């Protein structure tokens, strides 16, 4: 089973990378972009087919290591 974890900054947390990309897009005349937020994706290949255990394990991984839960949110997708 594969777990895909998308991690992004919480709303209200300054995203300096996103601001830099937004500025660069403006300077390249891409005018329809209102905001840019940069995140990260972690893809984990798991040795289980038990979705409940996988979700529990990956949630614990996010809480303890993968995400800084003070300033980041995460979403887990099992495929």
PDB file of N, CA and C in Angstrom:
ATOM      1  N   UNK A   1       0.844  -1.175   0.000  1.00  0.00           N
ATOM      2  CA  UNK A   1       0.000   0.000   0.000  1.00  0.00           C
ATOM      3  C   UNK A   1       0.889   1.238   0.000  1.00  0.00           C
ATOM      4  N   UNK A   2       0.401   2.265  -0.657  1.00  0.00           N
ATOM      5  CA  UNK A   2       1.147   3.513  -0.715  1.00  0.00           C
ATOM      6  C   UNK A   2       0.391   4.574   0.070  1.00  0.00           C
ATOM      7  N   UNK A   3       1.135   5.370   0.831  1.00  0.00           N
ATOM      8  CA  UNK A   3       0.568   6.514   1.539  1.00  0.00           C
ATOM      9  C   UNK A   3       1.180   7.779   0.950  1.00  0.00           C
ATOM     10  N   UNK A   4       0.325   8.704   0.571  1.00  0.00           N
ATOM     11  CA  UNK A   4       0.775   9.996   0.055  1.00  0.00           C
ATOM     12  C   UNK A   4       0.400  11.044   1.093  1.00  0.00           C
ATOM     13  N   UNK A   5       1.404  11.753   1.592  1.00  0.00           N
ATOM     14  CA  UNK A   5       1.191  12.769   2.620  1.00  0.00           C
ATOM     15  C   UNK A   5       1.506  14.128   2.013  1.00  0.00           C
ATOM     16  N   UNK A   6       0.519  15.004   1.981  1.00  0.00           N
ATOM     17  CA  UNK A   6       0.704  16.376   1.519  1.00  0.00           C
ATOM     18  C   UNK A   6       0.758  17.291   2.739  1.00  0.00           C
ATOM     19  N   UNK A   7       1.838  18.048   2.841  1.00  0.00           N
ATOM     20  CA  UNK A   7       2.081  18.907   3.999  1.00  0.00           C
ATOM     21  C   UNK A   7       2.126  20.350   3.508  1.00  0.00           C
ATOM     22  N   UNK A   8       1.385  21.210   4.187  1.00  0.00           N
ATOM     23  CA  UNK A   8       1.361  22.626   3.805  1.00  0.00           C
ATOM     24  C   UNK A   8       1.344  23.491   5.059  1.00  0.00           C
ATOM     25  N   UNK A   9       1.774  24.726   4.881  1.00  0.00           N
ATOM     26  CA  UNK A   9       1.736  25.660   5.994  1.00  0.00           C
ATOM     27  C   UNK A   9       0.287  25.983   6.346  1.00  0.00           C
ATOM     28  N   UNK A  10       0.028  26.157   7.627  1.00  0.00           N
ATOM     29  CA  UNK A  10      -1.308  26.532   8.066  1.00  0.00           C
ATOM     30  C   UNK A  10      -1.647  27.918   7.551  1.00  0.00           C
ATOM     31  N   UNK A  11      -2.941  28.162   7.401  1.00  0.00           N
ATOM     32  CA  UNK A  11      -3.409  29.488   7.000  1.00  0.00           C
ATOM     33  C   UNK A  11      -2.907  30.504   8.014  1.00  0.00           C
ATOM     34  N   UNK A  12      -2.429  31.621   7.535  1.00  0.00           N
ATOM     35  CA  UNK A  12      -1.928  32.663   8.424  1.00  0.00           C
ATOM     36  C   UNK A  12      -0.436  32.599   8.679  1.00  0.00           C
ATOM     37  N   UNK A  13       0.203  31.487   8.332  1.00  0.00           N
ATOM     38  CA  UNK A  13       1.656  31.368   8.480  1.00  0.00           C
ATOM     39  C   UNK A  13       2.297  31.914   7.207  1.00  0.00           C
ATOM     40  N   UNK A  14       3.227  32.841   7.365  1.00  0.00           N
ATOM     41  CA  UNK A  14       3.896  33.452   6.226  1.00  0.00           C
ATOM     42  C   UNK A  14       4.635  32.401   5.409  1.00  0.00           C
ATOM     43  N   UNK A  15       4.387  32.400   4.113  1.00  0.00           N
ATOM     44  CA  UNK A  15       5.040  31.473   3.196  1.00  0.00           C
ATOM     45  C   UNK A  15       5.991  32.279   2.304  1.00  0.00           C
ATOM     46  N   UNK A  16       7.226  32.436   2.738  1.00  0.00           N
ATOM     47  CA  UNK A  16       8.180  33.264   1.999  1.00  0.00           C
ATOM     48  C   UNK A  16       8.510  32.666   0.630  1.00  0.00           C
ATOM     49  N   UNK A  17       8.574  31.348   0.530  1.00  0.00           N
ATOM     50  CA  UNK A  17       8.802  30.717  -0.776  1.00  0.00           C
ATOM     51  C   UNK A  17       7.642  31.008  -1.719  1.00  0.00           C
ATOM     52  N   UNK A  18       6.438  30.889  -1.214  1.00  0.00           N
ATOM     53  CA  UNK A  18       5.259  31.169  -2.019  1.00  0.00           C
ATOM     54  C   UNK A  18       5.237  32.609  -2.500  1.00  0.00           C
ATOM     55  N   UNK A  19       5.614  33.549  -1.615  1.00  0.00           N
ATOM     56  CA  UNK A  19       5.659  34.965  -1.991  1.00  0.00           C
ATOM     57  C   UNK A  19       6.699  35.185  -3.089  1.00  0.00           C
ATOM     58  N   UNK A  20       7.859  34.546  -2.974  1.00  0.00           N
ATOM     59  CA  UNK A  20       8.914  34.695  -3.981  1.00  0.00           C
ATOM     60  C   UNK A  20       8.453  34.151  -5.334  1.00  0.00           C
ATOM     61  N   UNK A  21       7.788  33.000  -5.332  1.00  0.00           N
ATOM     62  CA  UNK A  21       7.287  32.420  -6.578  1.00  0.00           C
ATOM     63  C   UNK A  21       6.198  33.315  -7.158  1.00  0.00           C
ATOM     64  N   UNK A  22       5.322  33.829  -6.316  1.00  0.00           N
ATOM     65  CA  UNK A  22       4.262  34.722  -6.787  1.00  0.00           C
ATOM     66  C   UNK A  22       4.854  35.961  -7.447  1.00  0.00           C
ATOM     67  N   UNK A  23       5.860  36.535  -6.821  1.00  0.00           N
ATOM     68  CA  UNK A  23       6.538  37.709  -7.385  1.00  0.00           C
ATOM     69  C   UNK A  23       7.179  37.367  -8.739  1.00  0.00           C
ATOM     70  N   UNK A  24       7.837  36.205  -8.809  1.00  0.00           N
ATOM     71  CA  UNK A  24       8.475  35.784 -10.060  1.00  0.00           C
ATOM     72  C   UNK A  24       7.435  35.577 -11.163  1.00  0.00           C
ATOM     73  N   UNK A  25       6.302  34.984 -10.822  1.00  0.00           N
ATOM     74  CA  UNK A  25       5.248  34.785 -11.821  1.00  0.00           C
ATOM     75  C   UNK A  25       4.715  36.123 -12.319  1.00  0.00           C
ATOM     76  N   UNK A  26       4.543  37.079 -11.395  1.00  0.00           N
ATOM     77  CA  UNK A  26       4.109  38.423 -11.798  1.00  0.00           C
ATOM     78  C   UNK A  26       5.118  39.053 -12.761  1.00  0.00           C
ATOM     79  N   UNK A  27       6.393  38.904 -12.454  1.00  0.00           N
ATOM     80  CA  UNK A  27       7.426  39.511 -13.299  1.00  0.00           C
ATOM     81  C   UNK A  27       7.517  38.842 -14.671  1.00  0.00           C
ATOM     82  N   UNK A  28       7.018  37.617 -14.772  1.00  0.00           N
ATOM     83  CA  UNK A  28       6.978  36.909 -16.055  1.00  0.00           C
ATOM     84  C   UNK A  28       5.637  37.115 -16.769  1.00  0.00           C
ATOM     85  N   UNK A  29       4.846  38.055 -16.252  1.00  0.00           N
ATOM     86  CA  UNK A  29       3.548  38.427 -16.837  1.00  0.00           C
ATOM     87  C   UNK A  29       2.485  37.333 -16.755  1.00  0.00           C
ATOM     88  N   UNK A  30       2.541  36.486 -15.730  1.00  0.00           N
ATOM     89  CA  UNK A  30       1.439  35.567 -15.440  1.00  0.00           C
ATOM     90  C   UNK A  30       0.530  36.296 -14.460  1.00  0.00           C
ATOM     91  N   UNK A  31      -0.484  36.962 -15.000  1.00  0.00           N
ATOM     92  CA  UNK A  31      -1.254  37.912 -14.207  1.00  0.00           C
ATOM     93  C   UNK A  31      -2.445  37.317 -13.462  1.00  0.00           C
ATOM     94  N   UNK A  32      -2.853  36.108 -13.750  1.00  0.00           N
ATOM     95  CA  UNK A  32      -4.056  35.545 -13.141  1.00  0.00           C
ATOM     96  C   UNK A  32      -3.844  34.818 -11.833  1.00  0.00           C
ATOM     97  N   UNK A  33      -2.667  34.914 -11.235  1.00  0.00           N
ATOM     98  CA  UNK A  33      -2.362  34.180 -10.009  1.00  0.00           C
ATOM     99  C   UNK A  33      -2.563  35.112  -8.820  1.00  0.00           C
ATOM    100  N   UNK A  34      -3.478  34.747  -7.907  1.00  0.00           N
ATOM    101  CA  UNK A  34      -3.767  35.583  -6.742  1.00  0.00           C
ATOM    102  C   UNK A  34      -2.871  35.286  -5.554  1.00  0.00           C
ATOM    103  N   UNK A  35      -2.479  34.030  -5.391  1.00  0.00           N
ATOM    104  CA  UNK A  35      -1.663  33.645  -4.234  1.00  0.00           C
ATOM    105  C   UNK A  35      -0.934  32.352  -4.571  1.00  0.00           C
ATOM    106  N   UNK A  36       0.211  32.144  -3.943  1.00  0.00           N
ATOM    107  CA  UNK A  36       0.985  30.907  -4.115  1.00  0.00           C
ATOM    108  C   UNK A  36       1.382  30.408  -2.737  1.00  0.00           C
ATOM    109  N   UNK A  37       1.147  29.131  -2.490  1.00  0.00           N
ATOM    110  CA  UNK A  37       1.587  28.481  -1.251  1.00  0.00           C
ATOM    111  C   UNK A  37       2.429  27.271  -1.664  1.00  0.00           C
ATOM    112  N   UNK A  38       3.571  27.118  -1.055  1.00  0.00           N
ATOM    113  CA  UNK A  38       4.470  26.008  -1.361  1.00  0.00           C
ATOM    114  C   UNK A  38       4.347  24.969  -0.243  1.00  0.00           C
ATOM    115  N   UNK A  39       4.273  23.714  -0.624  1.00  0.00           N
ATOM    116  CA  UNK A  39       4.191  22.638   0.353  1.00  0.00           C
ATOM    117  C   UNK A  39       5.172  21.543   0.000  1.00  0.00           C
ATOM    118  N   UNK A  40       4.980  20.402   0.627  1.00  0.00           N
ATOM    119  CA  UNK A  40       5.833  19.255   0.308  1.00  0.00           C
ATOM    120  C   UNK A  40       4.970  18.003   0.288  1.00  0.00           C
ATOM    121  N   UNK A  41       5.445  16.998  -0.411  1.00  0.00           N
ATOM    122  CA  UNK A  41       4.754  15.724  -0.505  1.00  0.00           C
ATOM    123  C   UNK A  41       5.721  14.609  -0.136  1.00  0.00           C
ATOM    124  N   UNK A  42       5.246  13.703   0.716  1.00  0.00           N
ATOM    125  CA  UNK A  42       6.022  12.530   1.117  1.00  0.00           C
ATOM    126  C   UNK A  42       5.240  11.303   0.665  1.00  0.00           C
ATOM    127  N   UNK A  43       5.900  10.406  -0.073  1.00  0.00           N
ATOM    128  CA  UNK A  43       5.260   9.182  -0.546  1.00  0.00           C
ATOM    129  C   UNK A  43       5.925   8.010   0.163  1.00  0.00           C
ATOM    130  N   UNK A  44       5.105   7.227   0.847  1.00  0.00           N
ATOM    131  CA  UNK A  44       5.593   6.091   1.634  1.00  0.00           C
ATOM    132  C   UNK A  44       5.038   4.799   1.068  1.00  0.00           C
ATOM    133  N   UNK A  45       5.892   3.819   0.837  1.00  0.00           N
ATOM    134  CA  UNK A  45       5.445   2.485   0.430  1.00  0.00           C
ATOM    135  C   UNK A  45       5.380   1.642   1.696  1.00  0.00           C
ATOM    136  N   UNK A  46       4.197   1.147   2.022  1.00  0.00           N
ATOM    137  CA  UNK A  46       3.975   0.421   3.273  1.00  0.00           C
ATOM    138  C   UNK A  46       3.817  -1.073   3.022  1.00  0.00           C
ATOM    139  N   UNK A  47       4.201  -1.866   4.025  1.00  0.00           N
ATOM    140  CA  UNK A  47       4.119  -3.325   3.926  1.00  0.00           C
ATOM    141  C   UNK A  47       2.800  -3.895   4.440  1.00  0.00           C
ATOM    142  N   UNK A  48       1.769  -3.087   4.499  1.00  0.00           N
ATOM    143  CA  UNK A  48       0.489  -3.574   5.025  1.00  0.00           C
ATOM    144  C   UNK A  48      -0.624  -3.304   4.027  1.00  0.00           C
ATOM    145  N   UNK A  49      -1.662  -4.102   4.095  1.00  0.00           N
ATOM    146  CA  UNK A  49      -2.875  -3.870   3.308  1.00  0.00           C
ATOM    147  C   UNK A  49      -4.027  -3.457   4.222  1.00  0.00           C
ATOM    148  N   UNK A  50      -3.758  -3.344   5.519  1.00  0.00           N
ATOM    149  CA  UNK A  50      -4.758  -2.936   6.510  1.00  0.00           C
ATOM    150  C   UNK A  50      -4.826  -1.408   6.542  1.00  0.00           C
ATOM    151  N   UNK A  51      -5.906  -0.850   5.971  1.00  0.00           N
ATOM    152  CA  UNK A  51      -6.014   0.609   5.856  1.00  0.00           C
ATOM    153  C   UNK A  51      -6.076   1.292   7.216  1.00  0.00           C
ATOM    154  N   UNK A  52      -6.720   0.669   8.178  1.00  0.00           N
ATOM    155  CA  UNK A  52      -6.823   1.271   9.511  1.00  0.00           C
ATOM    156  C   UNK A  52      -5.453   1.376  10.155  1.00  0.00           C
ATOM    157  N   UNK A  53      -4.662   0.301  10.082  1.00  0.00           N
ATOM    158  CA  UNK A  53      -3.311   0.318  10.642  1.00  0.00           C
ATOM    159  C   UNK A  53      -2.426   1.297   9.887  1.00  0.00           C
ATOM    160  N   UNK A  54      -2.535   1.307   8.567  1.00  0.00           N
ATOM    161  CA  UNK A  54      -1.726   2.216   7.758  1.00  0.00           C
ATOM    162  C   UNK A  54      -2.033   3.663   8.125  1.00  0.00           C
ATOM    163  N   UNK A  55      -3.304   4.013   8.219  1.00  0.00           N
ATOM    164  CA  UNK A  55      -3.682   5.388   8.558  1.00  0.00           C
ATOM    165  C   UNK A  55      -3.176   5.755   9.948  1.00  0.00           C
ATOM    166  N   UNK A  56      -3.295   4.843  10.883  1.00  0.00           N
ATOM    167  CA  UNK A  56      -2.810   5.080  12.244  1.00  0.00           C
ATOM    168  C   UNK A  56      -1.299   5.285  12.266  1.00  0.00           C
ATOM    169  N   UNK A  57      -0.574   4.423  11.575  1.00  0.00           N
ATOM    170  CA  UNK A  57       0.889   4.512  11.551  1.00  0.00           C
ATOM    171  C   UNK A  57       1.361   5.794  10.872  1.00  0.00           C
ATOM    172  N   UNK A  58       0.761   6.143   9.736  1.00  0.00           N
ATOM    173  CA  UNK A  58       1.188   7.326   9.002  1.00  0.00           C
ATOM    174  C   UNK A  58       0.816   8.595   9.768  1.00  0.00           C
ATOM    175  N   UNK A  59      -0.327   8.592  10.418  1.00  0.00           N
ATOM    176  CA  UNK A  59      -0.694   9.732  11.262  1.00  0.00           C
ATOM    177  C   UNK A  59       0.336   9.936  12.355  1.00  0.00           C
ATOM    178  N   UNK A  60       0.748   8.855  12.990  1.00  0.00           N
ATOM    179  CA  UNK A  60       1.771   8.946  14.040  1.00  0.00           C
ATOM    180  C   UNK A  60       3.090   9.456  13.458  1.00  0.00           C
ATOM    181  N   UNK A  61       3.462   8.991  12.255  1.00  0.00           N
ATOM    182  CA  UNK A  61       4.681   9.475  11.596  1.00  0.00           C
ATOM    183  C   UNK A  61       4.610  10.984  11.370  1.00  0.00           C
ATOM    184  N   UNK A  62       3.453  11.453  10.921  1.00  0.00           N
ATOM    185  CA  UNK A  62       3.281  12.887  10.675  1.00  0.00           C
ATOM    186  C   UNK A  62       3.387  13.680  11.969  1.00  0.00           C
ATOM    187  N   UNK A  63       2.734  13.207  12.999  1.00  0.00           N
ATOM    188  CA  UNK A  63       2.714  13.915  14.279  1.00  0.00           C
ATOM    189  C   UNK A  63       4.100  13.954  14.934  1.00  0.00           C
ATOM    190  N   UNK A  64       4.892  12.896  14.736  1.00  0.00           N
ATOM    191  CA  UNK A  64       6.180  12.800  15.420  1.00  0.00           C
ATOM    192  C   UNK A  64       7.375  13.255  14.583  1.00  0.00           C
ATOM    193  N   UNK A  65       7.251  13.232  13.241  1.00  0.00           N
ATOM    194  CA  UNK A  65       8.430  13.519  12.428  1.00  0.00           C
ATOM    195  C   UNK A  65       8.151  14.327  11.155  1.00  0.00           C
ATOM    196  N   UNK A  66       7.205  13.888  10.354  1.00  0.00           N
ATOM    197  CA  UNK A  66       7.081  14.425   9.009  1.00  0.00           C
ATOM    198  C   UNK A  66       6.571  15.858   8.950  1.00  0.00           C
ATOM    199  N   UNK A  67       5.692  16.235   9.846  1.00  0.00           N
ATOM    200  CA  UNK A  67       5.109  17.582   9.822  1.00  0.00           C
ATOM    201  C   UNK A  67       5.406  18.298  11.138  1.00  0.00           C
ATOM    202  N   UNK A  68       5.629  19.598  11.032  1.00  0.00           N
ATOM    203  CA  UNK A  68       5.732  20.441  12.217  1.00  0.00           C
ATOM    204  C   UNK A  68       4.317  20.941  12.487  1.00  0.00           C
ATOM    205  N   UNK A  69       3.597  20.234  13.356  1.00  0.00           N
ATOM    206  CA  UNK A  69       2.170  20.485  13.525  1.00  0.00           C
ATOM    207  C   UNK A  69       1.852  21.833  14.172  1.00  0.00           C
ATOM    208  N   UNK A  70       2.849  22.541  14.629  1.00  0.00           N
ATOM    209  CA  UNK A  70       2.619  23.891  15.141  1.00  0.00           C
ATOM    210  C   UNK A  70       2.288  24.832  13.988  1.00  0.00           C
ATOM    211  N   UNK A  71       2.979  24.665  12.847  1.00  0.00           N
ATOM    212  CA  UNK A  71       2.793  25.579  11.717  1.00  0.00           C
ATOM    213  C   UNK A  71       2.335  24.888  10.443  1.00  0.00           C
ATOM    214  N   UNK A  72       2.220  23.555  10.445  1.00  0.00           N
ATOM    215  CA  UNK A  72       1.863  22.836   9.226  1.00  0.00           C
ATOM    216  C   UNK A  72       0.641  21.946   9.432  1.00  0.00           C
ATOM    217  N   UNK A  73      -0.147  21.824   8.375  1.00  0.00           N
ATOM    218  CA  UNK A  73      -1.235  20.859   8.297  1.00  0.00           C
ATOM    219  C   UNK A  73      -0.799  19.736   7.370  1.00  0.00           C
ATOM    220  N   UNK A  74      -1.440  18.587   7.497  1.00  0.00           N
ATOM    221  CA  UNK A  74      -1.128  17.483   6.589  1.00  0.00           C
ATOM    222  C   UNK A  74      -2.405  16.732   6.233  1.00  0.00           C
ATOM    223  N   UNK A  75      -2.367  16.131   5.056  1.00  0.00           N
ATOM    224  CA  UNK A  75      -3.454  15.270   4.571  1.00  0.00           C
ATOM    225  C   UNK A  75      -2.829  13.948   4.132  1.00  0.00           C
ATOM    226  N   UNK A  76      -3.498  12.857   4.459  1.00  0.00           N
ATOM    227  CA  UNK A  76      -2.996  11.524   4.117  1.00  0.00           C
ATOM    228  C   UNK A  76      -3.960  10.879   3.131  1.00  0.00           C
ATOM    229  N   UNK A  77      -3.401  10.336   2.053  1.00  0.00           N
ATOM    230  CA  UNK A  77      -4.185   9.577   1.084  1.00  0.00           C
ATOM    231  C   UNK A  77      -3.573   8.190   0.972  1.00  0.00           C
ATOM    232  N   UNK A  78      -4.385   7.161   1.144  1.00  0.00           N
ATOM    233  CA  UNK A  78      -3.912   5.790   0.999  1.00  0.00           C
ATOM    234  C   UNK A  78      -4.365   5.264  -0.356  1.00  0.00           C
ATOM    235  N   UNK A  79      -3.412   4.714  -1.119  1.00  0.00           N
ATOM    236  CA  UNK A  79      -3.745   4.161  -2.439  1.00  0.00           C
ATOM    237  C   UNK A  79      -3.159   2.779  -2.579  1.00  0.00           C
TER     238      UNK A  79
END
